[in-house]
PDB file of all heavy atoms in Angstrom:
ATOM      1  N   ASP A   1      -1.109  -1.364  -0.487  1.00  0.00           N
ATOM      2  CA  ASP A   1      -0.033  -2.348  -0.531  1.00  0.00           C
ATOM      3  C   ASP A   1       1.301  -1.655  -0.297  1.00  0.00           C
ATOM      4  O   ASP A   1       1.828  -0.971  -1.176  1.00  0.00           O
ATOM      5  CB  ASP A   1      -0.020  -3.061  -1.885  1.00  0.00           C
ATOM      6  CG  ASP A   1       1.086  -4.112  -1.971  1.00  0.00           C
ATOM      7  OD1 ASP A   1       1.601  -4.495  -0.896  1.00  0.00           O
ATOM      8  OD2 ASP A   1       1.420  -4.537  -3.083  1.00  0.00           O
ATOM      9  N   THR A   2       1.848  -1.849   0.888  1.00  0.00           N
ATOM     10  CA  THR A   2       3.139  -1.239   1.220  1.00  0.00           C
ATOM     11  C   THR A   2       4.281  -2.253   1.198  1.00  0.00           C
ATOM     12  O   THR A   2       5.430  -1.890   1.431  1.00  0.00           O
ATOM     13  CB  THR A   2       3.083  -0.587   2.616  1.00  0.00           C
ATOM     14  OG1 THR A   2       2.744  -1.602   3.584  1.00  0.00           O
ATOM     15  CG2 THR A   2       2.046   0.524   2.654  1.00  0.00           C
ATOM     16  N   ALA A   3       3.958  -3.512   0.872  1.00  0.00           N
ATOM     17  CA  ALA A   3       4.978  -4.565   0.942  1.00  0.00           C
ATOM     18  C   ALA A   3       6.113  -4.338  -0.052  1.00  0.00           C
ATOM     19  O   ALA A   3       7.249  -4.748   0.194  1.00  0.00           O
ATOM     20  CB  ALA A   3       4.335  -5.929   0.691  1.00  0.00           C
ATOM     21  N   ALA A   4       5.812  -3.686  -1.184  1.00  0.00           N
ATOM     22  CA  ALA A   4       6.829  -3.532  -2.230  1.00  0.00           C
ATOM     23  C   ALA A   4       7.774  -2.364  -1.972  1.00  0.00           C
ATOM     24  O   ALA A   4       8.753  -2.199  -2.703  1.00  0.00           O
ATOM     25  CB  ALA A   4       6.146  -3.341  -3.585  1.00  0.00           C
ATOM     26  N   TYR A   5       7.493  -1.570  -0.935  1.00  0.00           N
ATOM     27  CA  TYR A   5       8.303  -0.378  -0.685  1.00  0.00           C
ATOM     28  C   TYR A   5       9.365  -0.645   0.380  1.00  0.00           C
ATOM     29  O   TYR A   5       9.120  -1.321   1.377  1.00  0.00           O
ATOM     30  CB  TYR A   5       7.426   0.785  -0.233  1.00  0.00           C
ATOM     31  CG  TYR A   5       6.344   1.148  -1.213  1.00  0.00           C
ATOM     32  CD1 TYR A   5       5.000   1.097  -0.855  1.00  0.00           C
ATOM     33  CD2 TYR A   5       6.667   1.528  -2.509  1.00  0.00           C
ATOM     34  CE1 TYR A   5       4.001   1.422  -1.762  1.00  0.00           C
ATOM     35  CE2 TYR A   5       5.680   1.849  -3.420  1.00  0.00           C
ATOM     36  CZ  TYR A   5       4.352   1.794  -3.045  1.00  0.00           C
ATOM     37  OH  TYR A   5       3.382   2.113  -3.955  1.00  0.00           O
ATOM     38  N   ARG A   6      10.571  -0.099   0.144  1.00  0.00           N
ATOM     39  CA  ARG A   6      11.627  -0.146   1.151  1.00  0.00           C
ATOM     40  C   ARG A   6      11.537   1.084   2.042  1.00  0.00           C
ATOM     41  O   ARG A   6      10.916   2.078   1.684  1.00  0.00           O
ATOM     42  CB  ARG A   6      12.998  -0.174   0.471  1.00  0.00           C
ATOM     43  CG  ARG A   6      13.231  -1.341  -0.470  1.00  0.00           C
ATOM     44  CD  ARG A   6      14.676  -1.330  -0.952  1.00  0.00           C
ATOM     45  NE  ARG A   6      14.942  -2.430  -1.870  1.00  0.00           N
ATOM     46  CZ  ARG A   6      14.877  -2.324  -3.195  1.00  0.00           C
ATOM     47  NH1 ARG A   6      14.559  -1.148  -3.741  1.00  0.00           N
ATOM     48  NH2 ARG A   6      15.131  -3.354  -3.963  1.00  0.00           N
ATOM     49  N   ALA A   7      12.201   1.013   3.191  1.00  0.00           N
ATOM     50  CA  ALA A   7      12.191   2.158   4.106  1.00  0.00           C
ATOM     51  C   ALA A   7      12.782   3.396   3.436  1.00  0.00           C
ATOM     52  O   ALA A   7      12.342   4.523   3.675  1.00  0.00           O
ATOM     53  CB  ALA A   7      12.973   1.812   5.374  1.00  0.00           C
ATOM     54  N   THR A   8      13.778   3.173   2.565  1.00  0.00           N
ATOM     55  CA  THR A   8      14.416   4.307   1.888  1.00  0.00           C
ATOM     56  C   THR A   8      13.509   4.953   0.843  1.00  0.00           C
ATOM     57  O   THR A   8      13.805   6.049   0.366  1.00  0.00           O
ATOM     58  CB  THR A   8      15.719   3.860   1.205  1.00  0.00           C
ATOM     59  OG1 THR A   8      15.444   2.721   0.363  1.00  0.00           O
ATOM     60  CG2 THR A   8      16.765   3.465   2.236  1.00  0.00           C
ATOM     61  N   ASP A   9      12.418   4.280   0.470  1.00  0.00           N
ATOM     62  CA  ASP A   9      11.475   4.872  -0.487  1.00  0.00           C
ATOM     63  C   ASP A   9      10.604   5.946   0.162  1.00  0.00           C
ATOM     64  O   ASP A   9      10.033   6.780  -0.532  1.00  0.00           O
ATOM     65  CB  ASP A   9      10.548   3.789  -1.078  1.00  0.00           C
ATOM     66  CG  ASP A   9      11.286   2.810  -1.964  1.00  0.00           C
ATOM     67  OD1 ASP A   9      12.265   3.233  -2.614  1.00  0.00           O
ATOM     68  OD2 ASP A   9      10.888   1.627  -2.004  1.00  0.00           O
ATOM     69  N   GLY A  10      10.482   5.902   1.497  1.00  0.00           N
ATOM     70  CA  GLY A  10       9.561   6.790   2.195  1.00  0.00           C
ATOM     71  C   GLY A  10       9.734   8.261   1.878  1.00  0.00           C
ATOM     72  O   GLY A  10       8.779   8.924   1.450  1.00  0.00           O
ATOM     73  N   PRO A  11      10.921   8.827   2.051  1.00  0.00           N
ATOM     74  CA  PRO A  11      11.089  10.256   1.763  1.00  0.00           C
ATOM     75  C   PRO A  11      10.778  10.612   0.310  1.00  0.00           C
ATOM     76  O   PRO A  11      10.231  11.688   0.048  1.00  0.00           O
ATOM     77  CB  PRO A  11      12.569  10.494   2.103  1.00  0.00           C
ATOM     78  CG  PRO A  11      12.888   9.457   3.134  1.00  0.00           C
ATOM     79  CD  PRO A  11      12.109   8.247   2.698  1.00  0.00           C
ATOM     80  N   ARG A  12      11.138   9.732  -0.628  1.00  0.00           N
ATOM     81  CA  ARG A  12      10.836  10.029  -2.040  1.00  0.00           C
ATOM     82  C   ARG A  12       9.341  10.012  -2.297  1.00  0.00           C
ATOM     83  O   ARG A  12       8.806  10.877  -3.014  1.00  0.00           O
ATOM     84  CB  ARG A  12      11.554   9.019  -2.934  1.00  0.00           C
ATOM     85  CG  ARG A  12      13.063   9.186  -2.978  1.00  0.00           C
ATOM     86  CD  ARG A  12      13.679   8.322  -4.045  1.00  0.00           C
ATOM     87  NE  ARG A  12      13.662   6.917  -3.668  1.00  0.00           N
ATOM     88  CZ  ARG A  12      14.644   6.308  -3.003  1.00  0.00           C
ATOM     89  NH1 ARG A  12      15.721   6.996  -2.646  1.00  0.00           N
ATOM     90  NH2 ARG A  12      14.565   5.031  -2.699  1.00  0.00           N
ATOM     91  N   LEU A  13       8.648   9.037  -1.714  1.00  0.00           N
ATOM     92  CA  LEU A  13       7.193   8.984  -1.871  1.00  0.00           C
ATOM     93  C   LEU A  13       6.542  10.199  -1.211  1.00  0.00           C
ATOM     94  O   LEU A  13       5.564  10.748  -1.732  1.00  0.00           O
ATOM     95  CB  LEU A  13       6.650   7.689  -1.262  1.00  0.00           C
ATOM     96  CG  LEU A  13       7.049   6.402  -1.980  1.00  0.00           C
ATOM     97  CD1 LEU A  13       6.663   5.184  -1.154  1.00  0.00           C
ATOM     98  CD2 LEU A  13       6.393   6.323  -3.360  1.00  0.00           C
ATOM     99  N   GLY A  14       7.074  10.609  -0.071  1.00  0.00           N
ATOM    100  CA  GLY A  14       6.557  11.805   0.591  1.00  0.00           C
ATOM    101  C   GLY A  14       6.733  13.043  -0.258  1.00  0.00           C
ATOM    102  O   GLY A  14       5.859  13.917  -0.300  1.00  0.00           O
ATOM    103  N   ALA A  15       7.867  13.140  -0.978  1.00  0.00           N
ATOM    104  CA  ALA A  15       8.106  14.292  -1.856  1.00  0.00           C
ATOM    105  C   ALA A  15       7.113  14.309  -3.011  1.00  0.00           C
ATOM    106  O   ALA A  15       6.578  15.367  -3.376  1.00  0.00           O
ATOM    107  CB  ALA A  15       9.533  14.254  -2.383  1.00  0.00           C
ATOM    108  N   VAL A  16       6.836  13.140  -3.593  1.00  0.00           N
ATOM    109  CA  VAL A  16       5.848  13.062  -4.681  1.00  0.00           C
ATOM    110  C   VAL A  16       4.474  13.470  -4.168  1.00  0.00           C
ATOM    111  O   VAL A  16       3.747  14.234  -4.820  1.00  0.00           O
ATOM    112  CB  VAL A  16       5.807  11.638  -5.265  1.00  0.00           C
ATOM    113  CG1 VAL A  16       4.639  11.496  -6.253  1.00  0.00           C
ATOM    114  CG2 VAL A  16       7.119  11.308  -5.969  1.00  0.00           C
ATOM    115  N   LEU A  17       4.115  12.966  -3.002  1.00  0.00           N
ATOM    116  CA  LEU A  17       2.816  13.277  -2.418  1.00  0.00           C
ATOM    117  C   LEU A  17       2.687  14.776  -2.140  1.00  0.00           C
ATOM    118  O   LEU A  17       1.650  15.394  -2.429  1.00  0.00           O
ATOM    119  CB  LEU A  17       2.637  12.478  -1.132  1.00  0.00           C
ATOM    120  CG  LEU A  17       1.276  12.515  -0.452  1.00  0.00           C
ATOM    121  CD1 LEU A  17       0.168  12.172  -1.425  1.00  0.00           C
ATOM    122  CD2 LEU A  17       1.274  11.531   0.718  1.00  0.00           C
ATOM    123  N   THR A  18       3.737  15.385  -1.614  1.00  0.00           N
ATOM    124  CA  THR A  18       3.722  16.822  -1.346  1.00  0.00           C
ATOM    125  C   THR A  18       3.554  17.619  -2.625  1.00  0.00           C
ATOM    126  O   THR A  18       2.792  18.592  -2.676  1.00  0.00           O
ATOM    127  CB  THR A  18       5.023  17.237  -0.634  1.00  0.00           C
ATOM    128  OG1 THR A  18       5.127  16.529   0.614  1.00  0.00           O
ATOM    129  CG2 THR A  18       5.045  18.729  -0.352  1.00  0.00           C
ATOM    130  N   ASP A  19       4.225  17.212  -3.690  1.00  0.00           N
ATOM    131  CA  ASP A  19       4.096  17.910  -4.965  1.00  0.00           C
ATOM    132  C   ASP A  19       2.683  17.791  -5.521  1.00  0.00           C
ATOM    133  O   ASP A  19       2.137  18.743  -6.085  1.00  0.00           O
ATOM    134  CB  ASP A  19       5.099  17.359  -5.978  1.00  0.00           C
ATOM    135  CG  ASP A  19       6.528  17.762  -5.663  1.00  0.00           C
ATOM    136  OD1 ASP A  19       6.710  18.729  -4.895  1.00  0.00           O
ATOM    137  OD2 ASP A  19       7.457  17.125  -6.179  1.00  0.00           O
ATOM    138  N   LEU A  20       2.075  16.613  -5.381  1.00  0.00           N
ATOM    139  CA  LEU A  20       0.717  16.437  -5.892  1.00  0.00           C
ATOM    140  C   LEU A  20      -0.285  17.301  -5.125  1.00  0.00           C
ATOM    141  O   LEU A  20      -1.190  17.896  -5.719  1.00  0.00           O
ATOM    142  CB  LEU A  20       0.313  14.964  -5.810  1.00  0.00           C
ATOM    143  CG  LEU A  20       0.920  14.043  -6.867  1.00  0.00           C
ATOM    144  CD1 LEU A  20       0.590  12.592  -6.555  1.00  0.00           C
ATOM    145  CD2 LEU A  20       0.402  14.415  -8.256  1.00  0.00           C
ATOM    146  N   VAL A  21      -0.146  17.366  -3.808  1.00  0.00           N
ATOM    147  CA  VAL A  21      -1.028  18.225  -3.015  1.00  0.00           C
ATOM    148  C   VAL A  21      -0.813  19.687  -3.399  1.00  0.00           C
ATOM    149  O   VAL A  21      -1.776  20.456  -3.564  1.00  0.00           O
ATOM    150  CB  VAL A  21      -0.796  18.012  -1.509  1.00  0.00           C
ATOM    151  CG1 VAL A  21      -1.587  19.033  -0.691  1.00  0.00           C
ATOM    152  CG2 VAL A  21      -1.202  16.592  -1.101  1.00  0.00           C
ATOM    153  N   SER A  22       0.441  20.086  -3.572  1.00  0.00           N
ATOM    154  CA  SER A  22       0.743  21.462  -3.992  1.00  0.00           C
ATOM    155  C   SER A  22       0.110  21.759  -5.342  1.00  0.00           C
ATOM    156  O   SER A  22      -0.486  22.826  -5.548  1.00  0.00           O
ATOM    157  CB  SER A  22       2.258  21.673  -4.071  1.00  0.00           C
ATOM    158  OG  SER A  22       2.883  21.442  -2.833  1.00  0.00           O
ATOM    159  N   ALA A  23       0.238  20.822  -6.278  1.00  0.00           N
ATOM    160  CA  ALA A  23      -0.327  21.019  -7.613  1.00  0.00           C
ATOM    161  C   ALA A  23      -1.847  21.083  -7.569  1.00  0.00           C
ATOM    162  O   ALA A  23      -2.469  21.868  -8.300  1.00  0.00           O
ATOM    163  CB  ALA A  23       0.128  19.898  -8.542  1.00  0.00           C
ATOM    164  N   LEU A  24      -2.465  20.273  -6.708  1.00  0.00           N
ATOM    165  CA  LEU A  24      -3.922  20.301  -6.589  1.00  0.00           C
ATOM    166  C   LEU A  24      -4.396  21.639  -6.034  1.00  0.00           C
ATOM    167  O   LEU A  24      -5.359  22.228  -6.525  1.00  0.00           O
ATOM    168  CB  LEU A  24      -4.392  19.158  -5.688  1.00  0.00           C
ATOM    169  CG  LEU A  24      -5.904  19.065  -5.464  1.00  0.00           C
ATOM    170  CD1 LEU A  24      -6.628  18.811  -6.787  1.00  0.00           C
ATOM    171  CD2 LEU A  24      -6.233  17.960  -4.461  1.00  0.00           C
ATOM    172  N   PHE A  25      -3.725  22.140  -5.003  1.00  0.00           N
ATOM    173  CA  PHE A  25      -4.076  23.454  -4.462  1.00  0.00           C
ATOM    174  C   PHE A  25      -3.893  24.535  -5.522  1.00  0.00           C
ATOM    175  O   PHE A  25      -4.741  25.421  -5.682  1.00  0.00           O
ATOM    176  CB  PHE A  25      -3.204  23.772  -3.252  1.00  0.00           C
ATOM    177  CG  PHE A  25      -3.620  23.091  -1.968  1.00  0.00           C
ATOM    178  CD1 PHE A  25      -4.657  22.167  -1.951  1.00  0.00           C
ATOM    179  CD2 PHE A  25      -2.984  23.374  -0.769  1.00  0.00           C
ATOM    180  CE1 PHE A  25      -5.043  21.542  -0.775  1.00  0.00           C
ATOM    181  CE2 PHE A  25      -3.364  22.764   0.422  1.00  0.00           C
ATOM    182  CZ  PHE A  25      -4.391  21.846   0.404  1.00  0.00           C
ATOM    183  N   ALA A  26      -2.777  24.482  -6.242  1.00  0.00           N
ATOM    184  CA  ALA A  26      -2.526  25.487  -7.279  1.00  0.00           C
ATOM    185  C   ALA A  26      -3.586  25.431  -8.367  1.00  0.00           C
ATOM    186  O   ALA A  26      -4.060  26.460  -8.854  1.00  0.00           O
ATOM    187  CB  ALA A  26      -1.138  25.282  -7.878  1.00  0.00           C
ATOM    188  N   HIS A  27      -3.984  24.219  -8.739  1.00  0.00           N
ATOM    189  CA  HIS A  27      -5.025  24.069  -9.759  1.00  0.00           C
ATOM    190  C   HIS A  27      -6.345  24.647  -9.262  1.00  0.00           C
ATOM    191  O   HIS A  27      -7.062  25.327 -10.021  1.00  0.00           O
ATOM    192  CB  HIS A  27      -5.203  22.589 -10.103  1.00  0.00           C
ATOM    193  CG  HIS A  27      -6.296  22.325 -11.079  1.00  0.00           C
ATOM    194  ND1 HIS A  27      -6.178  22.563 -12.428  1.00  0.00           N
ATOM    195  CD2 HIS A  27      -7.563  21.855 -10.896  1.00  0.00           C
ATOM    196  CE1 HIS A  27      -7.303  22.245 -13.038  1.00  0.00           C
ATOM    197  NE2 HIS A  27      -8.161  21.810 -12.131  1.00  0.00           N
ATOM    198  N   ALA A  28      -6.679  24.380  -7.999  1.00  0.00           N
ATOM    199  CA  ALA A  28      -7.936  24.896  -7.443  1.00  0.00           C
ATOM    200  C   ALA A  28      -7.947  26.417  -7.444  1.00  0.00           C
ATOM    201  O   ALA A  28      -9.003  27.046  -7.582  1.00  0.00           O
ATOM    202  CB  ALA A  28      -8.143  24.368  -6.028  1.00  0.00           C
ATOM    203  N   LEU A  29      -6.783  27.010  -7.315  1.00  0.00           N
ATOM    204  CA  LEU A  29      -6.667  28.478  -7.286  1.00  0.00           C
ATOM    205  C   LEU A  29      -6.295  29.060  -8.644  1.00  0.00           C
ATOM    206  O   LEU A  29      -6.187  30.279  -8.783  1.00  0.00           O
ATOM    207  CB  LEU A  29      -5.600  28.887  -6.271  1.00  0.00           C
ATOM    208  CG  LEU A  29      -5.863  28.491  -4.820  1.00  0.00           C
ATOM    209  CD1 LEU A  29      -4.604  28.682  -3.999  1.00  0.00           C
ATOM    210  CD2 LEU A  29      -7.018  29.299  -4.245  1.00  0.00           C
ATOM    211  N   GLU A  30      -6.079  28.167  -9.633  1.00  0.00           N
ATOM    212  CA  GLU A  30      -5.610  28.588 -10.957  1.00  0.00           C
ATOM    213  C   GLU A  30      -4.336  29.418 -10.833  1.00  0.00           C
ATOM    214  O   GLU A  30      -4.164  30.460 -11.472  1.00  0.00           O
ATOM    215  CB  GLU A  30      -6.684  29.364 -11.707  1.00  0.00           C
ATOM    216  CG  GLU A  30      -7.930  28.560 -11.984  1.00  0.00           C
ATOM    217  CD  GLU A  30      -8.955  29.322 -12.806  1.00  0.00           C
ATOM    218  OE1 GLU A  30      -8.864  30.562 -12.862  1.00  0.00           O
ATOM    219  OE2 GLU A  30      -9.825  28.680 -13.392  1.00  0.00           O
ATOM    220  N   SER A  31      -3.432  28.921  -9.972  1.00  0.00           N
ATOM    221  CA  SER A  31      -2.192  29.657  -9.736  1.00  0.00           C
ATOM    222  C   SER A  31      -1.000  28.728  -9.851  1.00  0.00           C
ATOM    223  O   SER A  31      -0.151  28.677  -8.963  1.00  0.00           O
ATOM    224  CB  SER A  31      -2.210  30.311  -8.352  1.00  0.00           C
ATOM    225  OG  SER A  31      -2.350  29.322  -7.337  1.00  0.00           O
ATOM    226  N   ALA A  32      -0.943  27.956 -10.935  1.00  0.00           N
ATOM    227  CA  ALA A  32       0.165  27.023 -11.125  1.00  0.00           C
ATOM    228  C   ALA A  32       1.508  27.743 -11.131  1.00  0.00           C
ATOM    229  O   ALA A  32       2.541  27.146 -10.847  1.00  0.00           O
ATOM    230  CB  ALA A  32      -0.021  26.255 -12.431  1.00  0.00           C
TER     231      ALA A  32
END
């Protein structure tokens, strides 16, 4: 559901997504 998001939300959502992927990789490597 993307209807609730504004165009200006995109970069912020991308930053959250990048942090989650980074955290997942760090967790897999036990290198937080």
